[in-house]
Amino acid sequence: ELRRAGVGLVLGSLFVAPISRVTGEHDGRFIYENSVQAHALAMEQLDYYRRLADEVDYIRLVTDRSTIDEIVDSFSSETERLVGIVPMMEGADAIREPAVTKGVVCQVKMGIDNDHVSQ
């Protein structure tokens, strides 16, 4: 559907909610009680987008400029059009402590490992 509509980029939301803010019925999938749980839930969501990109040949997880270029190029050639997922974090719930903000934000927003974050 996305490719037929000419969509090349989508935002892959990473969302978790504190149990203290939840009202009414919920399935509990993205609800956390502490920062460790919030981080783990966000990483599970990011892992879903990684698996999707690994398993579907026309989907790319956007982690750098070259991936965006690859997607744009697919729209100007006879090759199969690609769809890129740009992971984005809603709120800062997944950030466990300020000292690791740079690494977590890069990992969550860009889908990269902390080992690849420049110091």
PDB file of N, CA and C in Angstrom:
ATOM      1  N   GLU A   1       0.812  -1.190   0.000  1.00  0.00           N
ATOM      2  CA  GLU A   1       0.000   0.000   0.000  1.00  0.00           C
ATOM      3  C   GLU A   1       0.862   1.264   0.000  1.00  0.00           C
ATOM      4  N   LEU A   2       1.882   1.281   0.839  1.00  0.00           N
ATOM      5  CA  LEU A   2       2.739   2.464   0.911  1.00  0.00           C
ATOM      6  C   LEU A   2       3.446   2.717  -0.414  1.00  0.00           C
ATOM      7  N   ARG A   3       3.955   1.667  -1.012  1.00  0.00           N
ATOM      8  CA  ARG A   3       4.674   1.842  -2.277  1.00  0.00           C
ATOM      9  C   ARG A   3       3.733   2.281  -3.379  1.00  0.00           C
ATOM     10  N   ARG A   4       2.528   1.716  -3.408  1.00  0.00           N
ATOM     11  CA  ARG A   4       1.559   2.134  -4.435  1.00  0.00           C
ATOM     12  C   ARG A   4       1.207   3.606  -4.284  1.00  0.00           C
ATOM     13  N   ALA A   5       1.213   4.096  -3.061  1.00  0.00           N
ATOM     14  CA  ALA A   5       0.895   5.503  -2.799  1.00  0.00           C
ATOM     15  C   ALA A   5       2.101   6.418  -3.024  1.00  0.00           C
ATOM     16  N   GLY A   6       3.254   5.835  -3.341  1.00  0.00           N
ATOM     17  CA  GLY A   6       4.445   6.629  -3.591  1.00  0.00           C
ATOM     18  C   GLY A   6       5.152   7.104  -2.335  1.00  0.00           C
ATOM     19  N   VAL A   7       4.910   6.422  -1.224  1.00  0.00           N
ATOM     20  CA  VAL A   7       5.551   6.785   0.043  1.00  0.00           C
ATOM     21  C   VAL A   7       6.948   6.181   0.087  1.00  0.00           C
ATOM     22  N   GLY A   8       7.930   7.004   0.434  1.00  0.00           N
ATOM     23  CA  GLY A   8       9.297   6.526   0.513  1.00  0.00           C
ATOM     24  C   GLY A   8       9.845   6.466   1.925  1.00  0.00           C
ATOM     25  N   LEU A   9       9.310   7.287   2.812  1.00  0.00           N
ATOM     26  CA  LEU A   9       9.772   7.312   4.203  1.00  0.00           C
ATOM     27  C   LEU A   9       8.585   7.334   5.152  1.00  0.00           C
ATOM     28  N   VAL A  10       8.697   6.562   6.216  1.00  0.00           N
ATOM     29  CA  VAL A  10       7.699   6.580   7.286  1.00  0.00           C
ATOM     30  C   VAL A  10       8.435   6.713   8.614  1.00  0.00           C
ATOM     31  N   LEU A  11       7.740   7.235   9.607  1.00  0.00           N
ATOM     32  CA  LEU A  11       8.310   7.317  10.948  1.00  0.00           C
ATOM     33  C   LEU A  11       7.904   6.086  11.724  1.00  0.00           C
ATOM     34  N   GLY A  12       8.881   5.424  12.311  1.00  0.00           N
ATOM     35  CA  GLY A  12       8.622   4.254  13.149  1.00  0.00           C
ATOM     36  C   GLY A  12       8.633   4.693  14.602  1.00  0.00           C
ATOM     37  N   SER A  13       7.466   4.850  15.173  1.00  0.00           N
ATOM     38  CA  SER A  13       7.342   5.392  16.521  1.00  0.00           C
ATOM     39  C   SER A  13       7.789   4.401  17.587  1.00  0.00           C
ATOM     40  N   LEU A  14       8.565   4.906  18.540  1.00  0.00           N
ATOM     41  CA  LEU A  14       8.931   4.148  19.732  1.00  0.00           C
ATOM     42  C   LEU A  14       8.202   4.827  20.877  1.00  0.00           C
ATOM     43  N   PHE A  15       7.175   4.167  21.394  1.00  0.00           N
ATOM     44  CA  PHE A  15       6.324   4.790  22.406  1.00  0.00           C
ATOM     45  C   PHE A  15       6.123   3.864  23.585  1.00  0.00           C
ATOM     46  N   VAL A  16       6.335   4.400  24.766  1.00  0.00           N
ATOM     47  CA  VAL A  16       6.029   3.695  26.011  1.00  0.00           C
ATOM     48  C   VAL A  16       5.321   4.685  26.925  1.00  0.00           C
ATOM     49  N   ALA A  17       4.495   4.164  27.826  1.00  0.00           N
ATOM     50  CA  ALA A  17       3.729   5.030  28.721  1.00  0.00           C
ATOM     51  C   ALA A  17       3.891   4.575  30.165  1.00  0.00           C
ATOM     52  N   PRO A  18       4.042   5.523  31.078  1.00  0.00           N
ATOM     53  CA  PRO A  18       4.135   5.151  32.492  1.00  0.00           C
ATOM     54  C   PRO A  18       2.791   4.664  33.004  1.00  0.00           C
ATOM     55  N   ILE A  19       2.825   3.654  33.828  1.00  0.00           N
ATOM     56  CA  ILE A  19       1.587   3.089  34.357  1.00  0.00           C
ATOM     57  C   ILE A  19       0.785   4.141  35.119  1.00  0.00           C
ATOM     58  N   SER A  20       1.461   5.118  35.689  1.00  0.00           N
ATOM     59  CA  SER A  20       0.774   6.166  36.450  1.00  0.00           C
ATOM     60  C   SER A  20      -0.104   7.056  35.578  1.00  0.00           C
ATOM     61  N   ARG A  21       0.137   7.063  34.272  1.00  0.00           N
ATOM     62  CA  ARG A  21      -0.643   7.897  33.356  1.00  0.00           C
ATOM     63  C   ARG A  21      -1.727   7.129  32.609  1.00  0.00           C
ATOM     64  N   VAL A  22      -1.782   5.835  32.804  1.00  0.00           N
ATOM     65  CA  VAL A  22      -2.726   5.006  32.059  1.00  0.00           C
ATOM     66  C   VAL A  22      -4.058   4.969  32.798  1.00  0.00           C
ATOM     67  N   THR A  23      -5.112   5.245  32.065  1.00  0.00           N
ATOM     68  CA  THR A  23      -6.458   5.153  32.629  1.00  0.00           C
ATOM     69  C   THR A  23      -7.275   4.199  31.774  1.00  0.00           C
ATOM     70  N   GLY A  24      -8.232   3.567  32.374  1.00  0.00           N
ATOM     71  CA  GLY A  24      -9.089   2.652  31.629  1.00  0.00           C
ATOM     72  C   GLY A  24      -8.391   1.351  31.294  1.00  0.00           C
ATOM     73  N   GLU A  25      -9.018   0.610  30.408  1.00  0.00           N
ATOM     74  CA  GLU A  25      -8.473  -0.692  30.014  1.00  0.00           C
ATOM     75  C   GLU A  25      -7.304  -0.526  29.052  1.00  0.00           C
ATOM     76  N   HIS A  26      -6.349  -1.418  29.164  1.00  0.00           N
ATOM     77  CA  HIS A  26      -5.213  -1.442  28.249  1.00  0.00           C
ATOM     78  C   HIS A  26      -4.650  -2.854  28.231  1.00  0.00           C
ATOM     79  N   ASP A  27      -3.892  -3.160  27.184  1.00  0.00           N
ATOM     80  CA  ASP A  27      -3.332  -4.512  27.078  1.00  0.00           C
ATOM     81  C   ASP A  27      -1.986  -4.646  27.784  1.00  0.00           C
ATOM     82  N   GLY A  28      -1.423  -3.544  28.246  1.00  0.00           N
ATOM     83  CA  GLY A  28      -0.188  -3.590  29.015  1.00  0.00           C
ATOM     84  C   GLY A  28       1.086  -3.752  28.217  1.00  0.00           C
ATOM     85  N   ARG A  29       1.001  -3.798  26.889  1.00  0.00           N
ATOM     86  CA  ARG A  29       2.192  -4.071  26.088  1.00  0.00           C
ATOM     87  C   ARG A  29       3.258  -2.989  26.171  1.00  0.00           C
ATOM     88  N   PHE A  30       2.874  -1.740  26.215  1.00  0.00           N
ATOM     89  CA  PHE A  30       3.853  -0.657  26.192  1.00  0.00           C
ATOM     90  C   PHE A  30       3.784   0.196  27.458  1.00  0.00           C
ATOM     91  N   ILE A  31       3.413  -0.439  28.556  1.00  0.00           N
ATOM     92  CA  ILE A  31       3.276   0.234  29.840  1.00  0.00           C
ATOM     93  C   ILE A  31       4.466  -0.151  30.722  1.00  0.00           C
ATOM     94  N   TYR A  32       5.056   0.829  31.375  1.00  0.00           N
ATOM     95  CA  TYR A  32       6.208   0.536  32.227  1.00  0.00           C
ATOM     96  C   TYR A  32       6.017   1.094  33.631  1.00  0.00           C
ATOM     97  N   GLU A  33       6.764   0.503  34.561  1.00  0.00           N
ATOM     98  CA  GLU A  33       6.751   0.963  35.952  1.00  0.00           C
ATOM     99  C   GLU A  33       8.035   1.685  36.339  1.00  0.00           C
ATOM    100  N   ASN A  34       9.125   1.474  35.578  1.00  0.00           N
ATOM    101  CA  ASN A  34      10.397   2.134  35.896  1.00  0.00           C
ATOM    102  C   ASN A  34      11.188   2.364  34.610  1.00  0.00           C
ATOM    103  N   SER A  35      12.283   3.088  34.735  1.00  0.00           N
ATOM    104  CA  SER A  35      13.057   3.464  33.550  1.00  0.00           C
ATOM    105  C   SER A  35      13.709   2.270  32.862  1.00  0.00           C
ATOM    106  N   VAL A  36      14.051   1.250  33.611  1.00  0.00           N
ATOM    107  CA  VAL A  36      14.637   0.046  33.003  1.00  0.00           C
ATOM    108  C   VAL A  36      13.614  -0.616  32.084  1.00  0.00           C
ATOM    109  N   GLN A  37      12.383  -0.727  32.549  1.00  0.00           N
ATOM    110  CA  GLN A  37      11.318  -1.300  31.717  1.00  0.00           C
ATOM    111  C   GLN A  37      11.044  -0.415  30.504  1.00  0.00           C
ATOM    112  N   ALA A  38      11.025   0.900  30.695  1.00  0.00           N
ATOM    113  CA  ALA A  38      10.772   1.819  29.582  1.00  0.00           C
ATOM    114  C   ALA A  38      11.816   1.632  28.492  1.00  0.00           C
ATOM    115  N   HIS A  39      13.069   1.555  28.887  1.00  0.00           N
ATOM    116  CA  HIS A  39      14.155   1.365  27.925  1.00  0.00           C
ATOM    117  C   HIS A  39      14.009   0.022  27.199  1.00  0.00           C
ATOM    118  N   ALA A  40      13.743  -1.028  27.949  1.00  0.00           N
ATOM    119  CA  ALA A  40      13.611  -2.362  27.350  1.00  0.00           C
ATOM    120  C   ALA A  40      12.454  -2.408  26.356  1.00  0.00           C
ATOM    121  N   LEU A  41      11.335  -1.792  26.692  1.00  0.00           N
ATOM    122  CA  LEU A  41      10.183  -1.783  25.784  1.00  0.00           C
ATOM    123  C   LEU A  41      10.491  -1.017  24.503  1.00  0.00           C
ATOM    124  N   ALA A  42      11.167   0.116  24.623  1.00  0.00           N
ATOM    125  CA  ALA A  42      11.531   0.883  23.431  1.00  0.00           C
ATOM    126  C   ALA A  42      12.499   0.097  22.555  1.00  0.00           C
ATOM    127  N   MET A  43      13.443  -0.606  23.170  1.00  0.00           N
ATOM    128  CA  MET A  43      14.394  -1.404  22.397  1.00  0.00           C
ATOM    129  C   MET A  43      13.698  -2.573  21.698  1.00  0.00           C
ATOM    130  N   GLU A  44      12.666  -3.138  22.323  1.00  0.00           N
ATOM    131  CA  GLU A  44      11.874  -4.186  21.666  1.00  0.00           C
ATOM    132  C   GLU A  44      11.195  -3.637  20.423  1.00  0.00           C
ATOM    133  N   GLN A  45      10.672  -2.426  20.525  1.00  0.00           N
ATOM    134  CA  GLN A  45      10.022  -1.814  19.370  1.00  0.00           C
ATOM    135  C   GLN A  45      11.034  -1.544  18.262  1.00  0.00           C
ATOM    136  N   LEU A  46      12.209  -1.046  18.631  1.00  0.00           N
ATOM    137  CA  LEU A  46      13.253  -0.813  17.640  1.00  0.00           C
ATOM    138  C   LEU A  46      13.673  -2.120  16.987  1.00  0.00           C
ATOM    139  N   ASP A  47      13.764  -3.173  17.768  1.00  0.00           N
ATOM    140  CA  ASP A  47      14.115  -4.487  17.227  1.00  0.00           C
ATOM    141  C   ASP A  47      13.077  -4.964  16.219  1.00  0.00           C
ATOM    142  N   TYR A  48      11.809  -4.656  16.454  1.00  0.00           N
ATOM    143  CA  TYR A  48      10.762  -5.013  15.486  1.00  0.00           C
ATOM    144  C   TYR A  48      11.052  -4.353  14.141  1.00  0.00           C
ATOM    145  N   TYR A  49      11.386  -3.067  14.148  1.00  0.00           N
ATOM    146  CA  TYR A  49      11.691  -2.374  12.892  1.00  0.00           C
ATOM    147  C   TYR A  49      12.935  -2.960  12.232  1.00  0.00           C
ATOM    148  N   ARG A  50      13.926  -3.346  13.028  1.00  0.00           N
ATOM    149  CA  ARG A  50      15.120  -3.995  12.466  1.00  0.00           C
ATOM    150  C   ARG A  50      14.759  -5.312  11.784  1.00  0.00           C
ATOM    151  N   ARG A  51      13.946  -6.123  12.460  1.00  0.00           N
ATOM    152  CA  ARG A  51      13.537  -7.410  11.874  1.00  0.00           C
ATOM    153  C   ARG A  51      12.734  -7.190  10.597  1.00  0.00           C
ATOM    154  N   LEU A  52      11.850  -6.211  10.618  1.00  0.00           N
ATOM    155  CA  LEU A  52      11.051  -5.910   9.431  1.00  0.00           C
ATOM    156  C   LEU A  52      11.960  -5.571   8.251  1.00  0.00           C
ATOM    157  N   ALA A  53      12.965  -4.748   8.498  1.00  0.00           N
ATOM    158  CA  ALA A  53      13.900  -4.382   7.436  1.00  0.00           C
ATOM    159  C   ALA A  53      14.726  -5.582   6.971  1.00  0.00           C
ATOM    160  N   ASP A  54      15.036  -6.492   7.877  1.00  0.00           N
ATOM    161  CA  ASP A  54      15.790  -7.694   7.516  1.00  0.00           C
ATOM    162  C   ASP A  54      14.950  -8.675   6.707  1.00  0.00           C
ATOM    163  N   GLU A  55      13.661  -8.735   6.989  1.00  0.00           N
ATOM    164  CA  GLU A  55      12.803  -9.761   6.398  1.00  0.00           C
ATOM    165  C   GLU A  55      12.067  -9.320   5.139  1.00  0.00           C
ATOM    166  N   VAL A  56      11.874  -8.029   4.948  1.00  0.00           N
ATOM    167  CA  VAL A  56      11.136  -7.532   3.782  1.00  0.00           C
ATOM    168  C   VAL A  56      12.128  -6.826   2.867  1.00  0.00           C
ATOM    169  N   ASP A  57      12.255  -7.340   1.643  1.00  0.00           N
ATOM    170  CA  ASP A  57      13.329  -6.880   0.764  1.00  0.00           C
ATOM    171  C   ASP A  57      13.254  -5.410   0.376  1.00  0.00           C
ATOM    172  N   TYR A  58      12.099  -4.790   0.378  1.00  0.00           N
ATOM    173  CA  TYR A  58      11.990  -3.397  -0.048  1.00  0.00           C
ATOM    174  C   TYR A  58      11.945  -2.405   1.122  1.00  0.00           C
ATOM    175  N   ILE A  59      12.117  -2.878   2.339  1.00  0.00           N
ATOM    176  CA  ILE A  59      12.106  -1.996   3.507  1.00  0.00           C
ATOM    177  C   ILE A  59      13.531  -1.801   4.012  1.00  0.00           C
ATOM    178  N   ARG A  60      13.846  -0.552   4.344  1.00  0.00           N
ATOM    179  CA  ARG A  60      15.153  -0.207   4.896  1.00  0.00           C
ATOM    180  C   ARG A  60      14.951   0.532   6.212  1.00  0.00           C
ATOM    181  N   LEU A  61      15.796   0.235   7.184  1.00  0.00           N
ATOM    182  CA  LEU A  61      15.828   1.005   8.420  1.00  0.00           C
ATOM    183  C   LEU A  61      16.807   2.146   8.186  1.00  0.00           C
ATOM    184  N   VAL A  62      16.338   3.360   8.278  1.00  0.00           N
ATOM    185  CA  VAL A  62      17.176   4.515   7.973  1.00  0.00           C
ATOM    186  C   VAL A  62      18.088   4.798   9.160  1.00  0.00           C
ATOM    187  N   THR A  63      19.372   4.536   8.958  1.00  0.00           N
ATOM    188  CA  THR A  63      20.375   4.756  10.001  1.00  0.00           C
ATOM    189  C   THR A  63      21.444   5.746   9.576  1.00  0.00           C
ATOM    190  N   ASP A  64      21.431   6.140   8.303  1.00  0.00           N
ATOM    191  CA  ASP A  64      22.444   7.080   7.833  1.00  0.00           C
ATOM    192  C   ASP A  64      21.991   7.706   6.519  1.00  0.00           C
ATOM    193  N   ARG A  65      22.761   8.653   6.062  1.00  0.00           N
ATOM    194  CA  ARG A  65      22.437   9.391   4.843  1.00  0.00           C
ATOM    195  C   ARG A  65      22.450   8.481   3.615  1.00  0.00           C
ATOM    196  N   SER A  66      23.348   7.522   3.573  1.00  0.00           N
ATOM    197  CA  SER A  66      23.429   6.658   2.392  1.00  0.00           C
ATOM    198  C   SER A  66      22.158   5.827   2.220  1.00  0.00           C
ATOM    199  N   THR A  67      21.500   5.477   3.312  1.00  0.00           N
ATOM    200  CA  THR A  67      20.234   4.741   3.209  1.00  0.00           C
ATOM    201  C   THR A  67      19.154   5.633   2.617  1.00  0.00           C
ATOM    202  N   ILE A  68      19.130   6.891   3.020  1.00  0.00           N
ATOM    203  CA  ILE A  68      18.167   7.833   2.431  1.00  0.00           C
ATOM    204  C   ILE A  68      18.448   7.987   0.945  1.00  0.00           C
ATOM    205  N   ASP A  69      19.715   8.114   0.578  1.00  0.00           N
ATOM    206  CA  ASP A  69      20.079   8.225  -0.838  1.00  0.00           C
ATOM    207  C   ASP A  69      19.620   6.999  -1.621  1.00  0.00           C
ATOM    208  N   GLU A  70      19.788   5.820  -1.032  1.00  0.00           N
ATOM    209  CA  GLU A  70      19.357   4.581  -1.685  1.00  0.00           C
ATOM    210  C   GLU A  70      17.850   4.601  -1.940  1.00  0.00           C
ATOM    211  N   ILE A  71      17.089   5.074  -0.973  1.00  0.00           N
ATOM    212  CA  ILE A  71      15.631   5.136  -1.114  1.00  0.00           C
ATOM    213  C   ILE A  71      15.248   6.142  -2.190  1.00  0.00           C
ATOM    214  N   VAL A  72      15.847   7.326  -2.148  1.00  0.00           N
ATOM    215  CA  VAL A  72      15.555   8.351  -3.155  1.00  0.00           C
ATOM    216  C   VAL A  72      15.906   7.840  -4.546  1.00  0.00           C
ATOM    217  N   ASP A  73      17.056   7.203  -4.690  1.00  0.00           N
ATOM    218  CA  ASP A  73      17.471   6.662  -5.989  1.00  0.00           C
ATOM    219  C   ASP A  73      16.491   5.623  -6.509  1.00  0.00           C
ATOM    220  N   SER A  74      15.867   4.872  -5.610  1.00  0.00           N
ATOM    221  CA  SER A  74      14.922   3.840  -6.054  1.00  0.00           C
ATOM    222  C   SER A  74      13.686   4.449  -6.703  1.00  0.00           C
ATOM    223  N   PHE A  75      13.409   5.716  -6.432  1.00  0.00           N
ATOM    224  CA  PHE A  75      12.258   6.384  -7.031  1.00  0.00           C
ATOM    225  C   PHE A  75      12.581   6.968  -8.398  1.00  0.00           C
ATOM    226  N   SER A  76      13.853   7.076  -8.724  1.00  0.00           N
ATOM    227  CA  SER A  76      14.227   7.668 -10.006  1.00  0.00           C
ATOM    228  C   SER A  76      14.808   6.646 -10.973  1.00  0.00           C
ATOM    229  N   SER A  77      14.634   5.383 -10.661  1.00  0.00           N
ATOM    230  CA  SER A  77      15.146   4.340 -11.548  1.00  0.00           C
ATOM    231  C   SER A  77      14.062   3.299 -11.782  1.00  0.00           C
ATOM    232  N   GLU A  78      14.398   2.320 -12.569  1.00  0.00           N
ATOM    233  CA  GLU A  78      13.449   1.252 -12.890  1.00  0.00           C
ATOM    234  C   GLU A  78      13.435   0.153 -11.838  1.00  0.00           C
ATOM    235  N   THR A  79      14.229   0.311 -10.794  1.00  0.00           N
ATOM    236  CA  THR A  79      14.271  -0.706  -9.744  1.00  0.00           C
ATOM    237  C   THR A  79      13.032  -0.606  -8.861  1.00  0.00           C
ATOM    238  N   GLU A  80      12.876  -1.614  -8.019  1.00  0.00           N
ATOM    239  CA  GLU A  80      11.761  -1.629  -7.083  1.00  0.00           C
ATOM    240  C   GLU A  80      11.894  -0.468  -6.095  1.00  0.00           C
ATOM    241  N   ARG A  81      10.808   0.274  -5.903  1.00  0.00           N
ATOM    242  CA  ARG A  81      10.836   1.388  -4.953  1.00  0.00           C
ATOM    243  C   ARG A  81      10.962   0.872  -3.530  1.00  0.00           C
ATOM    244  N   LEU A  82      11.786   1.562  -2.775  1.00  0.00           N
ATOM    245  CA  LEU A  82      12.038   1.185  -1.388  1.00  0.00           C
ATOM    246  C   LEU A  82      11.221   2.057  -0.443  1.00  0.00           C
ATOM    247  N   VAL A  83      10.986   1.533   0.751  1.00  0.00           N
ATOM    248  CA  VAL A  83      10.339   2.290   1.821  1.00  0.00           C
ATOM    249  C   VAL A  83      11.292   2.290   3.007  1.00  0.00           C
ATOM    250  N   GLY A  84      11.609   3.467   3.497  1.00  0.00           N
ATOM    251  CA  GLY A  84      12.495   3.589   4.646  1.00  0.00           C
ATOM    252  C   GLY A  84      11.720   3.872   5.919  1.00  0.00           C
ATOM    253  N   ILE A  85      12.177   3.268   7.005  1.00  0.00           N
ATOM    254  CA  ILE A  85      11.599   3.529   8.321  1.00  0.00           C
ATOM    255  C   ILE A  85      12.597   4.374   9.104  1.00  0.00           C
ATOM    256  N   VAL A  86      12.169   5.552   9.520  1.00  0.00           N
ATOM    257  CA  VAL A  86      12.987   6.426  10.349  1.00  0.00           C
ATOM    258  C   VAL A  86      12.495   6.270  11.786  1.00  0.00           C
ATOM    259  N   PRO A  87      13.249   5.569  12.639  1.00  0.00           N
ATOM    260  CA  PRO A  87      12.800   5.409  14.024  1.00  0.00           C
ATOM    261  C   PRO A  87      12.802   6.751  14.751  1.00  0.00           C
ATOM    262  N   MET A  88      11.756   6.985  15.526  1.00  0.00           N
ATOM    263  CA  MET A  88      11.694   8.210  16.321  1.00  0.00           C
ATOM    264  C   MET A  88      11.102   7.899  17.685  1.00  0.00           C
ATOM    265  N   MET A  89      11.627   8.562  18.678  1.00  0.00           N
ATOM    266  CA  MET A  89      11.190   8.320  20.046  1.00  0.00           C
ATOM    267  C   MET A  89      10.182   9.393  20.448  1.00  0.00           C
ATOM    268  N   GLU A  90       9.029   8.950  20.954  1.00  0.00           N
ATOM    269  CA  GLU A  90       8.045   9.879  21.493  1.00  0.00           C
ATOM    270  C   GLU A  90       8.337  10.048  22.975  1.00  0.00           C
ATOM    271  N   GLY A  91       8.732  11.241  23.363  1.00  0.00           N
ATOM    272  CA  GLY A  91       9.098  11.474  24.752  1.00  0.00           C
ATOM    273  C   GLY A  91      10.503  10.971  25.033  1.00  0.00           C
ATOM    274  N   ALA A  92      10.893  11.029  26.294  1.00  0.00           N
ATOM    275  CA  ALA A  92      12.237  10.612  26.682  1.00  0.00           C
ATOM    276  C   ALA A  92      12.199   9.469  27.680  1.00  0.00           C
ATOM    277  N   ASP A  93      11.100   8.744  27.707  1.00  0.00           N
ATOM    278  CA  ASP A  93      10.922   7.686  28.693  1.00  0.00           C
ATOM    279  C   ASP A  93      11.990   6.602  28.613  1.00  0.00           C
ATOM    280  N   ALA A  94      12.498   6.341  27.425  1.00  0.00           N
ATOM    281  CA  ALA A  94      13.472   5.262  27.245  1.00  0.00           C
ATOM    282  C   ALA A  94      14.875   5.654  27.685  1.00  0.00           C
ATOM    283  N   ILE A  95      15.087   6.920  27.989  1.00  0.00           N
ATOM    284  CA  ILE A  95      16.402   7.373  28.432  1.00  0.00           C
ATOM    285  C   ILE A  95      16.503   7.133  29.926  1.00  0.00           C
ATOM    286  N   ARG A  96      17.412   6.264  30.311  1.00  0.00           N
ATOM    287  CA  ARG A  96      17.506   5.847  31.708  1.00  0.00           C
ATOM    288  C   ARG A  96      18.202   6.852  32.606  1.00  0.00           C
ATOM    289  N   GLU A  97      19.225   7.529  32.097  1.00  0.00           N
ATOM    290  CA  GLU A  97      19.936   8.523  32.907  1.00  0.00           C
ATOM    291  C   GLU A  97      20.581   9.532  31.974  1.00  0.00           C
ATOM    292  N   PRO A  98      20.709  10.789  32.408  1.00  0.00           N
ATOM    293  CA  PRO A  98      21.239  11.832  31.521  1.00  0.00           C
ATOM    294  C   PRO A  98      22.617  11.527  30.953  1.00  0.00           C
ATOM    295  N   ALA A  99      23.461  10.824  31.672  1.00  0.00           N
ATOM    296  CA  ALA A  99      24.823  10.553  31.204  1.00  0.00           C
ATOM    297  C   ALA A  99      24.852   9.708  29.938  1.00  0.00           C
ATOM    298  N   VAL A 100      23.817   8.926  29.700  1.00  0.00           N
ATOM    299  CA  VAL A 100      23.806   8.074  28.507  1.00  0.00           C
ATOM    300  C   VAL A 100      22.848   8.587  27.444  1.00  0.00           C
ATOM    301  N   THR A 101      22.399   9.815  27.593  1.00  0.00           N
ATOM    302  CA  THR A 101      21.424  10.365  26.652  1.00  0.00           C
ATOM    303  C   THR A 101      21.907  10.286  25.214  1.00  0.00           C
ATOM    304  N   LYS A 102      23.128  10.676  24.949  1.00  0.00           N
ATOM    305  CA  LYS A 102      23.626  10.677  23.574  1.00  0.00           C
ATOM    306  C   LYS A 102      23.561   9.280  22.970  1.00  0.00           C
ATOM    307  N   GLY A 103      24.045   8.296  23.679  1.00  0.00           N
ATOM    308  CA  GLY A 103      24.041   6.933  23.154  1.00  0.00           C
ATOM    309  C   GLY A 103      22.648   6.385  22.965  1.00  0.00           C
ATOM    310  N   VAL A 104      21.775   6.599  23.936  1.00  0.00           N
ATOM    311  CA  VAL A 104      20.411   6.070  23.832  1.00  0.00           C
ATOM    312  C   VAL A 104      19.652   6.760  22.719  1.00  0.00           C
ATOM    313  N   VAL A 105      19.758   8.076  22.657  1.00  0.00           N
ATOM    314  CA  VAL A 105      19.038   8.799  21.612  1.00  0.00           C
ATOM    315  C   VAL A 105      19.524   8.368  20.244  1.00  0.00           C
ATOM    316  N   CYS A 106      20.831   8.241  20.069  1.00  0.00           N
ATOM    317  CA  CYS A 106      21.346   7.780  18.779  1.00  0.00           C
ATOM    318  C   CYS A 106      20.875   6.369  18.486  1.00  0.00           C
ATOM    319  N   GLN A 107      20.917   5.505  19.478  1.00  0.00           N
ATOM    320  CA  GLN A 107      20.499   4.125  19.257  1.00  0.00           C
ATOM    321  C   GLN A 107      19.020   4.064  18.918  1.00  0.00           C
ATOM    322  N   VAL A 108      18.211   4.779  19.666  1.00  0.00           N
ATOM    323  CA  VAL A 108      16.770   4.732  19.446  1.00  0.00           C
ATOM    324  C   VAL A 108      16.387   5.453  18.170  1.00  0.00           C
ATOM    325  N   LYS A 109      16.898   6.650  17.967  1.00  0.00           N
ATOM    326  CA  LYS A 109      16.490   7.431  16.815  1.00  0.00           C
ATOM    327  C   LYS A 109      17.116   6.932  15.521  1.00  0.00           C
ATOM    328  N   MET A 110      18.323   6.431  15.589  1.00  0.00           N
ATOM    329  CA  MET A 110      19.011   6.045  14.367  1.00  0.00           C
ATOM    330  C   MET A 110      19.152   4.542  14.203  1.00  0.00           C
ATOM    331  N   GLY A 111      18.756   3.779  15.190  1.00  0.00           N
ATOM    332  CA  GLY A 111      18.826   2.339  15.051  1.00  0.00           C
ATOM    333  C   GLY A 111      20.237   1.794  15.016  1.00  0.00           C
ATOM    334  N   ILE A 112      21.158   2.458  15.689  1.00  0.00           N
ATOM    335  CA  ILE A 112      22.542   1.996  15.680  1.00  0.00           C
ATOM    336  C   ILE A 112      22.957   1.561  17.073  1.00  0.00           C
ATOM    337  N   ASP A 113      24.013   0.790  17.140  1.00  0.00           N
ATOM    338  CA  ASP A 113      24.538   0.328  18.414  1.00  0.00           C
ATOM    339  C   ASP A 113      25.351   1.432  19.068  1.00  0.00           C
ATOM    340  N   ASN A 114      25.402   1.417  20.389  1.00  0.00           N
ATOM    341  CA  ASN A 114      26.195   2.411  21.112  1.00  0.00           C
ATOM    342  C   ASN A 114      27.660   2.377  20.704  1.00  0.00           C
ATOM    343  N   ASP A 115      28.162   1.231  20.253  1.00  0.00           N
ATOM    344  CA  ASP A 115      29.554   1.124  19.827  1.00  0.00           C
ATOM    345  C   ASP A 115      29.858   2.037  18.645  1.00  0.00           C
ATOM    346  N   HIS A 116      28.823   2.417  17.897  1.00  0.00           N
ATOM    347  CA  HIS A 116      29.016   3.240  16.714  1.00  0.00           C
ATOM    348  C   HIS A 116      28.749   4.718  16.970  1.00  0.00           C
ATOM    349  N   VAL A 117      28.473   5.084  18.205  1.00  0.00           N
ATOM    350  CA  VAL A 117      28.221   6.484  18.539  1.00  0.00           C
ATOM    351  C   VAL A 117      29.552   7.167  18.778  1.00  0.00           C
ATOM    352  N   SER A 118      29.801   8.256  18.055  1.00  0.00           N
ATOM    353  CA  SER A 118      31.070   8.963  18.243  1.00  0.00           C
ATOM    354  C   SER A 118      31.069   9.674  19.586  1.00  0.00           C
ATOM    355  N   GLN A 119      32.208   9.678  20.211  1.00  0.00           N
ATOM    356  CA  GLN A 119      32.337  10.290  21.542  1.00  0.00           C
ATOM    357  C   GLN A 119      32.622  11.762  21.419  1.00  0.00           C
TER     358      GLN A 119
END
